[in-house]
C-alpha atoms as a PDB file:
ATOM      1  CA  UNK A   1      23.416   9.533  16.424  1.00  0.00           C
ATOM      2  CA  UNK A   2      20.204   8.512  14.557  1.00  0.00           C
ATOM      3  CA  UNK A   3      17.967  11.537  14.197  1.00  0.00           C
ATOM      4  CA  UNK A   4      14.077  11.048  15.904  1.00  0.00           C
ATOM      5  CA  UNK A   5      11.380  12.032  14.424  1.00  0.00           C
ATOM      6  CA  UNK A   6       7.591  12.805  16.153  1.00  0.00           C
ATOM      7  CA  UNK A   7       6.943  12.435  19.878  1.00  0.00           C
ATOM      8  CA  UNK A   8       9.297  11.757  22.526  1.00  0.00           C
ATOM      9  CA  UNK A   9       9.507   8.487  24.264  1.00  0.00           C
ATOM     10  CA  UNK A  10       7.032   8.788  27.398  1.00  0.00           C
ATOM     11  CA  UNK A  11       9.291   8.387  30.737  1.00  0.00           C
ATOM     12  CA  UNK A  12       6.607   5.713  31.933  1.00  0.00           C
ATOM     13  CA  UNK A  13       6.705   3.391  29.133  1.00  0.00           C
ATOM     14  CA  UNK A  14       9.020   0.282  28.434  1.00  0.00           C
ATOM     15  CA  UNK A  15       9.904   0.607  24.711  1.00  0.00           C
ATOM     16  CA  UNK A  16      11.055  -3.134  22.910  1.00  0.00           C
ATOM     17  CA  UNK A  17      13.580  -2.155  20.021  1.00  0.00           C
ATOM     18  CA  UNK A  18      11.871  -3.096  16.106  1.00  0.00           C
ATOM     19  CA  UNK A  19      14.453  -2.343  13.746  1.00  0.00           C
ATOM     20  CA  UNK A  20      12.557  -2.028  10.132  1.00  0.00           C
ATOM     21  CA  UNK A  21      13.248  -1.377   6.703  1.00  0.00           C
ATOM     22  CA  UNK A  22      11.559   1.162   4.301  1.00  0.00           C
ATOM     23  CA  UNK A  23      11.050   1.904   0.474  1.00  0.00           C
ATOM     24  CA  UNK A  24      11.182   5.365  -1.426  1.00  0.00           C
ATOM     25  CA  UNK A  25      10.218   3.987  -4.751  1.00  0.00           C
ATOM     26  CA  UNK A  26      10.368   7.066  -7.848  1.00  0.00           C
ATOM     27  CA  UNK A  27       8.805   6.017 -11.060  1.00  0.00           C
ATOM     28  CA  UNK A  28       9.159   9.583 -12.774  1.00  0.00           C
ATOM     29  CA  UNK A  29       7.435  12.635 -10.876  1.00  0.00           C
ATOM     30  CA  UNK A  30       5.403   9.921  -8.713  1.00  0.00           C
ATOM     31  CA  UNK A  31       6.242   7.792  -5.375  1.00  0.00           C
ATOM     32  CA  UNK A  32       4.517   4.367  -4.891  1.00  0.00           C
ATOM     33  CA  UNK A  33       2.828   4.810  -1.246  1.00  0.00           C
ATOM     34  CA  UNK A  34       0.980   1.709   0.673  1.00  0.00           C
ATOM     35  CA  UNK A  35      -2.523   2.813   1.967  1.00  0.00           C
ATOM     36  CA  UNK A  36      -2.815   0.992   5.529  1.00  0.00           C
ATOM     37  CA  UNK A  37      -6.785   1.104   6.466  1.00  0.00           C
ATOM     38  CA  UNK A  38      -6.296  -0.359   9.887  1.00  0.00           C
ATOM     39  CA  UNK A  39      -5.021   0.057  12.741  1.00  0.00           C
ATOM     40  CA  UNK A  40      -4.794   3.974  11.604  1.00  0.00           C
ATOM     41  CA  UNK A  41      -5.611   4.791   8.190  1.00  0.00           C
ATOM     42  CA  UNK A  42      -2.512   6.126   6.527  1.00  0.00           C
ATOM     43  CA  UNK A  43      -0.391   6.738   3.656  1.00  0.00           C
ATOM     44  CA  UNK A  44       2.904   4.985   4.063  1.00  0.00           C
ATOM     45  CA  UNK A  45       6.269   4.297   2.960  1.00  0.00           C
ATOM     46  CA  UNK A  46       6.614   0.453   1.855  1.00  0.00           C
ATOM     47  CA  UNK A  47       7.685  -1.568   4.384  1.00  0.00           C
ATOM     48  CA  UNK A  48       7.862  -2.565   7.346  1.00  0.00           C
ATOM     49  CA  UNK A  49       9.964  -5.012  10.777  1.00  0.00           C
ATOM     50  CA  UNK A  50      12.512  -7.244  10.180  1.00  0.00           C
ATOM     51  CA  UNK A  51      11.780 -10.760  11.083  1.00  0.00           C
ATOM     52  CA  UNK A  52      14.463 -12.473  13.458  1.00  0.00           C
ATOM     53  CA  UNK A  53      16.935 -14.297  10.817  1.00  0.00           C
ATOM     54  CA  UNK A  54      15.620 -12.498   8.179  1.00  0.00           C
ATOM     55  CA  UNK A  55      18.325  -9.786   6.457  1.00  0.00           C
ATOM     56  CA  UNK A  56      17.138  -6.267   5.902  1.00  0.00           C
ATOM     57  CA  UNK A  57      17.195  -6.783   2.357  1.00  0.00           C
ATOM     58  CA  UNK A  58      15.560  -9.676   1.992  1.00  0.00           C
ATOM     59  CA  UNK A  59      12.576  -7.915   4.516  1.00  0.00           C
ATOM     60  CA  UNK A  60      12.721  -4.691   2.209  1.00  0.00           C
ATOM     61  CA  UNK A  61      11.802  -7.088  -0.977  1.00  0.00           C
ATOM     62  CA  UNK A  62       9.184  -8.888   1.146  1.00  0.00           C
ATOM     63  CA  UNK A  63       7.185  -6.052   2.470  1.00  0.00           C
ATOM     64  CA  UNK A  64       7.348  -3.633  -0.453  1.00  0.00           C
ATOM     65  CA  UNK A  65       5.416  -6.642  -2.548  1.00  0.00           C
ATOM     66  CA  UNK A  66       2.810  -7.505   0.265  1.00  0.00           C
ATOM     67  CA  UNK A  67       2.183  -3.742   0.392  1.00  0.00           C
ATOM     68  CA  UNK A  68       2.200  -2.955  -2.852  1.00  0.00           C
ATOM     69  CA  UNK A  69       2.009  -5.973  -5.316  1.00  0.00           C
ATOM     70  CA  UNK A  70       5.822  -4.595  -6.486  1.00  0.00           C
ATOM     71  CA  UNK A  71       9.103  -5.886  -7.082  1.00  0.00           C
ATOM     72  CA  UNK A  72      12.164  -3.579  -6.558  1.00  0.00           C
ATOM     73  CA  UNK A  73      15.570  -3.935  -7.890  1.00  0.00           C
ATOM     74  CA  UNK A  74      18.539  -1.869  -6.858  1.00  0.00           C
ATOM     75  CA  UNK A  75      17.881  -1.207  -3.458  1.00  0.00           C
ATOM     76  CA  UNK A  76      20.423   1.878  -1.922  1.00  0.00           C
ATOM     77  CA  UNK A  77      20.154   2.866   1.987  1.00  0.00           C
ATOM     78  CA  UNK A  78      19.794   6.599   1.842  1.00  0.00           C
ATOM     79  CA  UNK A  79      19.366   7.095   5.734  1.00  0.00           C
ATOM     80  CA  UNK A  80      17.473   6.049   8.964  1.00  0.00           C
ATOM     81  CA  UNK A  81      15.316   7.688  11.578  1.00  0.00           C
ATOM     82  CA  UNK A  82      13.765   6.502  15.303  1.00  0.00           C
ATOM     83  CA  UNK A  83      10.196   6.813  16.573  1.00  0.00           C
ATOM     84  CA  UNK A  84       8.555   5.832  19.768  1.00  0.00           C
ATOM     85  CA  UNK A  85       5.129   4.485  19.201  1.00  0.00           C
ATOM     86  CA  UNK A  86       2.366   2.701  20.224  1.00  0.00           C
ATOM     87  CA  UNK A  87       1.609  -0.208  18.081  1.00  0.00           C
ATOM     88  CA  UNK A  88      -2.166  -1.523  19.105  1.00  0.00           C
ATOM     89  CA  UNK A  89      -1.824  -4.517  16.900  1.00  0.00           C
ATOM     90  CA  UNK A  90       0.706  -6.149  18.598  1.00  0.00           C
ATOM     91  CA  UNK A  91      -0.052  -4.277  21.617  1.00  0.00           C
ATOM     92  CA  UNK A  92       3.132  -2.782  22.167  1.00  0.00           C
ATOM     93  CA  UNK A  93       5.426   0.225  22.629  1.00  0.00           C
ATOM     94  CA  UNK A  94       7.910   0.355  20.060  1.00  0.00           C
ATOM     95  CA  UNK A  95      11.610   2.451  19.522  1.00  0.00           C
ATOM     96  CA  UNK A  96      10.609   1.974  15.824  1.00  0.00           C
ATOM     97  CA  UNK A  97      14.345   2.373  14.359  1.00  0.00           C
ATOM     98  CA  UNK A  98      13.289   3.046  10.551  1.00  0.00           C
ATOM     99  CA  UNK A  99      16.242   2.173   7.598  1.00  0.00           C
ATOM    100  CA  UNK A 100      15.281   4.239   4.614  1.00  0.00           C
ATOM    101  CA  UNK A 101      16.258   2.865   0.975  1.00  0.00           C
ATOM    102  CA  UNK A 102      15.781   4.018  -2.426  1.00  0.00           C
ATOM    103  CA  UNK A 103      14.774   1.186  -5.068  1.00  0.00           C
ATOM    104  CA  UNK A 104      13.336   0.717  -8.262  1.00  0.00           C
ATOM    105  CA  UNK A 105       9.643  -0.216  -9.121  1.00  0.00           C
ATOM    106  CA  UNK A 106      10.249  -3.129 -11.627  1.00  0.00           C
ATOM    107  CA  UNK A 107       7.082  -5.093 -12.039  1.00  0.00           C
ATOM    108  CA  UNK A 108       3.819  -5.256 -10.537  1.00  0.00           C
ATOM    109  CA  UNK A 109       2.707  -8.811  -9.962  1.00  0.00           C
ATOM    110  CA  UNK A 110      -0.961  -7.960  -9.106  1.00  0.00           C
ATOM    111  CA  UNK A 111      -2.669  -6.293  -6.125  1.00  0.00           C
ATOM    112  CA  UNK A 112      -0.705  -5.993  -2.738  1.00  0.00           C
ATOM    113  CA  UNK A 113      -1.087  -9.480  -0.566  1.00  0.00           C
ATOM    114  CA  UNK A 114      -1.269  -7.572   2.868  1.00  0.00           C
ATOM    115  CA  UNK A 115      -4.739  -7.300   4.048  1.00  0.00           C
ATOM    116  CA  UNK A 116      -6.275  -3.797   4.263  1.00  0.00           C
ATOM    117  CA  UNK A 117      -3.171  -1.911   2.110  1.00  0.00           C
ATOM    118  CA  UNK A 118      -3.629  -0.541  -1.101  1.00  0.00           C
ATOM    119  CA  UNK A 119      -1.134   1.319  -3.524  1.00  0.00           C
ATOM    120  CA  UNK A 120      -1.507   4.553  -4.778  1.00  0.00           C
ATOM    121  CA  UNK A 121       0.859   6.247  -7.256  1.00  0.00           C
ATOM    122  CA  UNK A 122       1.073   9.952  -6.000  1.00  0.00           C
ATOM    123  CA  UNK A 123       2.951  13.160  -7.147  1.00  0.00           C
ATOM    124  CA  UNK A 124       6.383  13.537  -5.097  1.00  0.00           C
ATOM    125  CA  UNK A 125       5.284  16.731  -3.527  1.00  0.00           C
ATOM    126  CA  UNK A 126       1.454  15.481  -2.350  1.00  0.00           C
ATOM    127  CA  UNK A 127       3.471  12.436  -0.976  1.00  0.00           C
ATOM    128  CA  UNK A 128       5.793  14.773   1.121  1.00  0.00           C
ATOM    129  CA  UNK A 129       2.297  16.300   2.335  1.00  0.00           C
ATOM    130  CA  UNK A 130       0.227  13.130   3.446  1.00  0.00           C
ATOM    131  CA  UNK A 131       2.319  10.423   4.264  1.00  0.00           C
ATOM    132  CA  UNK A 132       1.261   9.707   8.293  1.00  0.00           C
ATOM    133  CA  UNK A 133       4.458  10.402   9.806  1.00  0.00           C
ATOM    134  CA  UNK A 134       7.027  12.994  10.119  1.00  0.00           C
ATOM    135  CA  UNK A 135      10.589  11.129   9.166  1.00  0.00           C
ATOM    136  CA  UNK A 136       8.537   9.251   6.248  1.00  0.00           C
ATOM    137  CA  UNK A 137       7.564  13.221   4.725  1.00  0.00           C
ATOM    138  CA  UNK A 138      11.396  14.016   5.489  1.00  0.00           C
ATOM    139  CA  UNK A 139      13.049  11.367   3.517  1.00  0.00           C
ATOM    140  CA  UNK A 140      10.416  11.622   0.573  1.00  0.00           C
ATOM    141  CA  UNK A 141      10.609  15.688   0.676  1.00  0.00           C
ATOM    142  CA  UNK A 142      14.362  15.077   0.260  1.00  0.00           C
ATOM    143  CA  UNK A 143      13.521  14.434  -3.721  1.00  0.00           C
ATOM    144  CA  UNK A 144      11.418  16.814  -3.929  1.00  0.00           C
ATOM    145  CA  UNK A 145      14.169  19.142  -3.350  1.00  0.00           C
END
């Protein structure tokens, strides 16, 4: 069974399954996070939805680069969680199935290419407090122990 974080599903909504992959990128005592300005300004683990026909690892590499400007190596799956959310940018009620990986940040190739995103190195303890959803905070917190 996959653990749920956040609000329970609303009984009057139909949810679309939206699988995605997200990375915990550690360098020393810091994590590389992305800050998204819209639709809700928040810090997030870099990552996102898997496009049709795309593999999870291809998605992970693409999303990390788009949201941080960094390349990664040696991704390792560490777990998964679900959350039920409304995604205003898609006008979609989604059951997000979030698979979490750790990976090594390798090379900064430039700024994020994803509009309204910026990359930030944040101390692990602070990251566990500022990440925008409880699932991300939980998995980042595993590193703080």
